[in-house]
Amino acid sequence: MMTFDIRDLLGMRQSISLTAPLAGRLTTLADVPDPVLCGQILGNGLAIDPVDQMLAAPCDGVVTLVHRARHGLTMTLANGAQLLLLIGVDTYRLGGDGFVSHIAAGRRVWTGDPLISFDMDALAHKARSLLISVVVLGEAFQMSPVVTDRLVAFGEQLATVRRNRAIPRAAAWKTADACR
């Protein structure tokens, strides 16, 4: 006799594949010059040093928030995970200059859909860093280990996001000590 768990029916246990939201050099969050991101205070993830100027959806989901400065957004994935995508470091201070949002909160997106375009040349002179951060928010979900320090093409398979089976208490007290 087969039994079903409601979480299976709702997709709450499934792994979600992430693709590269743009081309560039794949690295770790430890390389992002921001203590909250590199210390993985918000969650685990990866970073990409971009060669493209269009950030696309790394997977299917629903856009839950587009920052008013248009430098980032949050997506909710089918398994319930929240994914934060940020363009650069301290780019919120630009008040939206150099960014064009192609999506609104509440909209369903599919892998590869355009989300935010940005003027890389203009931002290079105004931002501390152009690294694109992709972060799984909180500790309930984790991103699979990623092979970093390599070039990735737009749409290339990067990682999976799945529910974290065991959440260690010590993980809640991460610090930015590991930042480079």
C-alpha atoms as a PDB file:
ATOM      1  CA  MET A   1       0.000   0.000   0.000  1.00  0.00           C
ATOM      2  CA  MET A   2       1.383   3.430  -0.966  1.00  0.00           C
ATOM      3  CA  THR A   3       1.139   6.318   1.434  1.00  0.00           C
ATOM      4  CA  PHE A   4       1.347   9.968   0.531  1.00  0.00           C
ATOM      5  CA  ASP A   5       2.590  12.908   2.512  1.00  0.00           C
ATOM      6  CA  ILE A   6       0.813  16.196   1.785  1.00  0.00           C
ATOM      7  CA  ARG A   7       4.234  17.881   1.506  1.00  0.00           C
ATOM      8  CA  ASP A   8       5.021  15.646  -1.475  1.00  0.00           C
ATOM      9  CA  LEU A   9       1.781  16.665  -3.185  1.00  0.00           C
ATOM     10  CA  LEU A  10       2.490  20.347  -2.598  1.00  0.00           C
ATOM     11  CA  GLY A  11       6.047  20.067  -3.898  1.00  0.00           C
ATOM     12  CA  MET A  12       7.530  21.012  -0.530  1.00  0.00           C
ATOM     13  CA  ARG A  13      10.150  18.243  -0.669  1.00  0.00           C
ATOM     14  CA  GLN A  14      11.297  18.580  -4.226  1.00  0.00           C
ATOM     15  CA  SER A  15      14.679  19.832  -5.306  1.00  0.00           C
ATOM     16  CA  ILE A  16      14.702  22.809  -7.651  1.00  0.00           C
ATOM     17  CA  SER A  17      17.437  23.105 -10.285  1.00  0.00           C
ATOM     18  CA  LEU A  18      19.127  26.496 -10.635  1.00  0.00           C
ATOM     19  CA  THR A  19      20.696  27.669 -13.864  1.00  0.00           C
ATOM     20  CA  ALA A  20      23.125  30.536 -14.365  1.00  0.00           C
ATOM     21  CA  PRO A  21      21.029  33.741 -14.475  1.00  0.00           C
ATOM     22  CA  LEU A  22      23.748  35.300 -16.655  1.00  0.00           C
ATOM     23  CA  ALA A  23      27.205  34.442 -17.952  1.00  0.00           C
ATOM     24  CA  GLY A  24      30.307  35.151 -15.914  1.00  0.00           C
ATOM     25  CA  ARG A  25      32.844  33.774 -13.460  1.00  0.00           C
ATOM     26  CA  LEU A  26      31.234  31.628 -10.763  1.00  0.00           C
ATOM     27  CA  THR A  27      32.563  32.185  -7.264  1.00  0.00           C
ATOM     28  CA  THR A  28      31.451  31.874  -3.654  1.00  0.00           C
ATOM     29  CA  LEU A  29      29.621  34.328  -1.433  1.00  0.00           C
ATOM     30  CA  ALA A  30      32.873  34.592   0.542  1.00  0.00           C
ATOM     31  CA  ASP A  31      34.195  36.733  -2.335  1.00  0.00           C
ATOM     32  CA  VAL A  32      31.389  39.297  -2.035  1.00  0.00           C
ATOM     33  CA  PRO A  33      32.713  42.383  -0.182  1.00  0.00           C
ATOM     34  CA  ASP A  34      29.705  42.625   2.104  1.00  0.00           C
ATOM     35  CA  PRO A  35      29.779  41.111   5.616  1.00  0.00           C
ATOM     36  CA  VAL A  36      26.137  40.002   5.529  1.00  0.00           C
ATOM     37  CA  LEU A  37      26.479  38.205   2.197  1.00  0.00           C
ATOM     38  CA  CYS A  38      29.977  36.765   2.577  1.00  0.00           C
ATOM     39  CA  GLY A  39      29.216  35.685   6.146  1.00  0.00           C
ATOM     40  CA  GLN A  40      26.122  33.899   4.847  1.00  0.00           C
ATOM     41  CA  ILE A  41      23.995  35.656   7.471  1.00  0.00           C
ATOM     42  CA  LEU A  42      20.981  35.652   5.118  1.00  0.00           C
ATOM     43  CA  GLY A  43      21.613  32.120   3.851  1.00  0.00           C
ATOM     44  CA  ASN A  44      23.907  30.132   1.593  1.00  0.00           C
ATOM     45  CA  GLY A  45      24.472  30.678  -2.081  1.00  0.00           C
ATOM     46  CA  LEU A  46      26.878  31.687  -4.792  1.00  0.00           C
ATOM     47  CA  ALA A  47      28.111  34.733  -6.673  1.00  0.00           C
ATOM     48  CA  ILE A  48      28.807  35.468 -10.323  1.00  0.00           C
ATOM     49  CA  ASP A  49      31.163  38.117 -11.690  1.00  0.00           C
ATOM     50  CA  PRO A  50      29.035  39.066 -14.718  1.00  0.00           C
ATOM     51  CA  VAL A  51      29.943  39.459 -18.362  1.00  0.00           C
ATOM     52  CA  ASP A  52      26.275  39.925 -19.341  1.00  0.00           C
ATOM     53  CA  GLN A  53      24.052  42.869 -18.445  1.00  0.00           C
ATOM     54  CA  MET A  54      20.748  41.006 -18.104  1.00  0.00           C
ATOM     55  CA  LEU A  55      19.813  39.093 -14.970  1.00  0.00           C
ATOM     56  CA  ALA A  56      17.367  36.296 -15.805  1.00  0.00           C
ATOM     57  CA  ALA A  57      15.323  33.889 -13.708  1.00  0.00           C
ATOM     58  CA  PRO A  58      17.546  30.980 -12.603  1.00  0.00           C
ATOM     59  CA  CYS A  59      14.448  28.764 -12.236  1.00  0.00           C
ATOM     60  CA  ASP A  60      10.660  28.875 -12.310  1.00  0.00           C
ATOM     61  CA  GLY A  61       8.981  30.762  -9.491  1.00  0.00           C
ATOM     62  CA  VAL A  62       6.988  33.773  -8.398  1.00  0.00           C
ATOM     63  CA  VAL A  63       8.614  37.173  -7.916  1.00  0.00           C
ATOM     64  CA  THR A  64       7.635  38.183  -4.399  1.00  0.00           C
ATOM     65  CA  LEU A  65       9.536  41.470  -4.157  1.00  0.00           C
ATOM     66  CA  VAL A  66      11.356  43.815  -6.514  1.00  0.00           C
ATOM     67  CA  HIS A  67      13.483  46.287  -4.559  1.00  0.00           C
ATOM     68  CA  ARG A  68      12.491  49.898  -5.203  1.00  0.00           C
ATOM     69  CA  ALA A  69      16.089  50.625  -6.314  1.00  0.00           C
ATOM     70  CA  ARG A  70      15.665  47.826  -8.901  1.00  0.00           C
ATOM     71  CA  HIS A  71      19.027  46.275  -7.939  1.00  0.00           C
ATOM     72  CA  GLY A  72      17.531  43.038  -6.639  1.00  0.00           C
ATOM     73  CA  LEU A  73      14.499  40.862  -6.096  1.00  0.00           C
ATOM     74  CA  THR A  74      13.200  37.866  -4.189  1.00  0.00           C
ATOM     75  CA  MET A  75      11.559  34.801  -5.745  1.00  0.00           C
ATOM     76  CA  THR A  76       9.511  32.043  -4.139  1.00  0.00           C
ATOM     77  CA  LEU A  77      10.215  28.621  -5.621  1.00  0.00           C
ATOM     78  CA  ALA A  78       7.774  25.718  -5.987  1.00  0.00           C
ATOM     79  CA  ASN A  79       9.305  23.942  -2.971  1.00  0.00           C
ATOM     80  CA  GLY A  80       8.750  27.005  -0.750  1.00  0.00           C
ATOM     81  CA  ALA A  81      12.334  28.286  -0.773  1.00  0.00           C
ATOM     82  CA  GLN A  82      12.973  32.029  -1.027  1.00  0.00           C
ATOM     83  CA  LEU A  83      15.738  33.056  -3.457  1.00  0.00           C
ATOM     84  CA  LEU A  84      17.373  36.488  -3.260  1.00  0.00           C
ATOM     85  CA  LEU A  85      19.111  37.868  -6.357  1.00  0.00           C
ATOM     86  CA  LEU A  86      21.223  41.011  -5.906  1.00  0.00           C
ATOM     87  CA  ILE A  87      23.205  42.965  -8.468  1.00  0.00           C
ATOM     88  CA  GLY A  88      26.381  44.418  -6.974  1.00  0.00           C
ATOM     89  CA  VAL A  89      27.221  45.661  -3.504  1.00  0.00           C
ATOM     90  CA  ASP A  90      25.698  48.869  -2.107  1.00  0.00           C
ATOM     91  CA  THR A  91      23.926  49.448  -5.430  1.00  0.00           C
ATOM     92  CA  TYR A  92      20.729  50.302  -3.543  1.00  0.00           C
ATOM     93  CA  ARG A  93      22.360  53.705  -2.937  1.00  0.00           C
ATOM     94  CA  LEU A  94      22.036  54.464  -6.645  1.00  0.00           C
ATOM     95  CA  GLY A  95      18.266  54.757  -6.289  1.00  0.00           C
ATOM     96  CA  GLY A  96      17.610  52.735  -9.426  1.00  0.00           C
ATOM     97  CA  ASP A  97      20.042  54.588 -11.714  1.00  0.00           C
ATOM     98  CA  GLY A  98      21.562  52.076 -14.125  1.00  0.00           C
ATOM     99  CA  PHE A  99      18.841  49.428 -13.602  1.00  0.00           C
ATOM    100  CA  VAL A 100      15.719  48.511 -15.576  1.00  0.00           C
ATOM    101  CA  SER A 101      13.249  46.073 -14.040  1.00  0.00           C
ATOM    102  CA  HIS A 102      11.412  43.824 -16.499  1.00  0.00           C
ATOM    103  CA  ILE A 103       9.144  42.189 -13.925  1.00  0.00           C
ATOM    104  CA  ALA A 104       6.798  43.132 -11.085  1.00  0.00           C
ATOM    105  CA  ALA A 105       6.089  41.509  -7.742  1.00  0.00           C
ATOM    106  CA  GLY A 106       3.441  38.822  -7.920  1.00  0.00           C
ATOM    107  CA  ARG A 107       4.357  37.723 -11.448  1.00  0.00           C
ATOM    108  CA  ARG A 108       5.118  34.115 -12.333  1.00  0.00           C
ATOM    109  CA  VAL A 109       8.460  33.684 -14.110  1.00  0.00           C
ATOM    110  CA  TRP A 110      10.013  30.793 -16.001  1.00  0.00           C
ATOM    111  CA  THR A 111      13.665  29.816 -16.186  1.00  0.00           C
ATOM    112  CA  GLY A 112      15.488  32.310 -18.421  1.00  0.00           C
ATOM    113  CA  ASP A 113      12.863  35.078 -18.276  1.00  0.00           C
ATOM    114  CA  PRO A 114      14.465  38.565 -18.154  1.00  0.00           C
ATOM    115  CA  LEU A 115      14.269  40.098 -14.676  1.00  0.00           C
ATOM    116  CA  ILE A 116      16.575  43.124 -14.449  1.00  0.00           C
ATOM    117  CA  SER A 117      18.965  44.670 -16.950  1.00  0.00           C
ATOM    118  CA  PHE A 118      21.786  46.898 -15.783  1.00  0.00           C
ATOM    119  CA  ASP A 119      24.436  49.196 -17.213  1.00  0.00           C
ATOM    120  CA  MET A 120      27.646  47.400 -16.243  1.00  0.00           C
ATOM    121  CA  ASP A 121      29.927  50.247 -17.342  1.00  0.00           C
ATOM    122  CA  ALA A 122      28.068  52.862 -15.285  1.00  0.00           C
ATOM    123  CA  LEU A 123      27.814  50.612 -12.229  1.00  0.00           C
ATOM    124  CA  ALA A 124      31.506  49.700 -12.366  1.00  0.00           C
ATOM    125  CA  HIS A 125      32.339  53.309 -11.461  1.00  0.00           C
ATOM    126  CA  LYS A 126      29.715  53.674  -8.719  1.00  0.00           C
ATOM    127  CA  ALA A 127      29.421  50.292  -6.955  1.00  0.00           C
ATOM    128  CA  ARG A 128      31.875  48.588  -4.585  1.00  0.00           C
ATOM    129  CA  SER A 129      31.430  45.389  -6.551  1.00  0.00           C
ATOM    130  CA  LEU A 130      29.448  44.105  -9.527  1.00  0.00           C
ATOM    131  CA  LEU A 131      29.203  40.538  -8.188  1.00  0.00           C
ATOM    132  CA  ILE A 132      25.724  39.060  -8.610  1.00  0.00           C
ATOM    133  CA  SER A 133      24.646  37.261  -5.419  1.00  0.00           C
ATOM    134  CA  VAL A 134      22.210  34.339  -5.519  1.00  0.00           C
ATOM    135  CA  VAL A 135      21.171  33.452  -1.956  1.00  0.00           C
ATOM    136  CA  VAL A 136      18.759  30.867  -0.561  1.00  0.00           C
ATOM    137  CA  LEU A 137      17.233  32.824   2.325  1.00  0.00           C
ATOM    138  CA  GLY A 138      17.153  31.311   5.804  1.00  0.00           C
ATOM    139  CA  GLU A 139      18.188  27.901   6.973  1.00  0.00           C
ATOM    140  CA  ALA A 140      15.167  25.805   6.003  1.00  0.00           C
ATOM    141  CA  PHE A 141      16.621  25.257   2.513  1.00  0.00           C
ATOM    142  CA  GLN A 142      20.127  24.782   1.213  1.00  0.00           C
ATOM    143  CA  MET A 143      21.892  25.053  -2.112  1.00  0.00           C
ATOM    144  CA  SER A 144      23.783  21.965  -3.237  1.00  0.00           C
ATOM    145  CA  PRO A 145      27.558  22.225  -3.315  1.00  0.00           C
ATOM    146  CA  VAL A 146      28.695  24.239  -6.282  1.00  0.00           C
ATOM    147  CA  VAL A 147      31.959  23.895  -8.212  1.00  0.00           C
ATOM    148  CA  THR A 148      33.223  27.483  -8.254  1.00  0.00           C
ATOM    149  CA  ASP A 149      36.133  29.409  -9.763  1.00  0.00           C
ATOM    150  CA  ARG A 150      35.039  28.722 -13.323  1.00  0.00           C
ATOM    151  CA  LEU A 151      33.282  30.438 -16.190  1.00  0.00           C
ATOM    152  CA  VAL A 152      29.595  29.682 -16.620  1.00  0.00           C
ATOM    153  CA  ALA A 153      27.346  30.290 -19.595  1.00  0.00           C
ATOM    154  CA  PHE A 154      23.859  31.737 -19.325  1.00  0.00           C
ATOM    155  CA  GLY A 155      21.418  28.898 -18.616  1.00  0.00           C
ATOM    156  CA  GLU A 156      24.091  26.422 -17.521  1.00  0.00           C
ATOM    157  CA  GLN A 157      23.048  24.079 -14.691  1.00  0.00           C
ATOM    158  CA  LEU A 158      24.592  25.390 -11.435  1.00  0.00           C
ATOM    159  CA  ALA A 159      23.040  23.816  -8.361  1.00  0.00           C
ATOM    160  CA  THR A 160      19.882  22.560  -6.700  1.00  0.00           C
ATOM    161  CA  VAL A 161      17.870  24.009  -3.844  1.00  0.00           C
ATOM    162  CA  ARG A 162      16.331  21.542  -1.437  1.00  0.00           C
ATOM    163  CA  ARG A 163      14.904  21.438   2.044  1.00  0.00           C
ATOM    164  CA  ASN A 164      17.566  21.275   4.747  1.00  0.00           C
ATOM    165  CA  ARG A 165      16.992  18.020   6.607  1.00  0.00           C
ATOM    166  CA  ALA A 166      18.936  18.974   9.721  1.00  0.00           C
ATOM    167  CA  ILE A 167      19.349  22.582  10.730  1.00  0.00           C
ATOM    168  CA  PRO A 168      22.240  22.848  13.202  1.00  0.00           C
ATOM    169  CA  ARG A 169      21.736  25.428  15.929  1.00  0.00           C
ATOM    170  CA  ALA A 170      25.263  26.756  15.503  1.00  0.00           C
ATOM    171  CA  ALA A 171      24.423  27.762  11.923  1.00  0.00           C
ATOM    172  CA  ALA A 172      22.195  30.537  13.251  1.00  0.00           C
ATOM    173  CA  TRP A 173      25.232  32.256  14.750  1.00  0.00           C
ATOM    174  CA  LYS A 174      27.356  32.513  11.623  1.00  0.00           C
ATOM    175  CA  THR A 175      29.639  35.485  11.460  1.00  0.00           C
ATOM    176  CA  ALA A 176      31.478  37.267   8.726  1.00  0.00           C
ATOM    177  CA  ASP A 177      34.806  35.842   9.938  1.00  0.00           C
ATOM    178  CA  ALA A 178      35.076  33.699   6.808  1.00  0.00           C
ATOM    179  CA  CYS A 179      34.907  36.720   4.491  1.00  0.00           C
ATOM    180  CA  ARG A 180      37.938  37.354   2.323  1.00  0.00           C
END
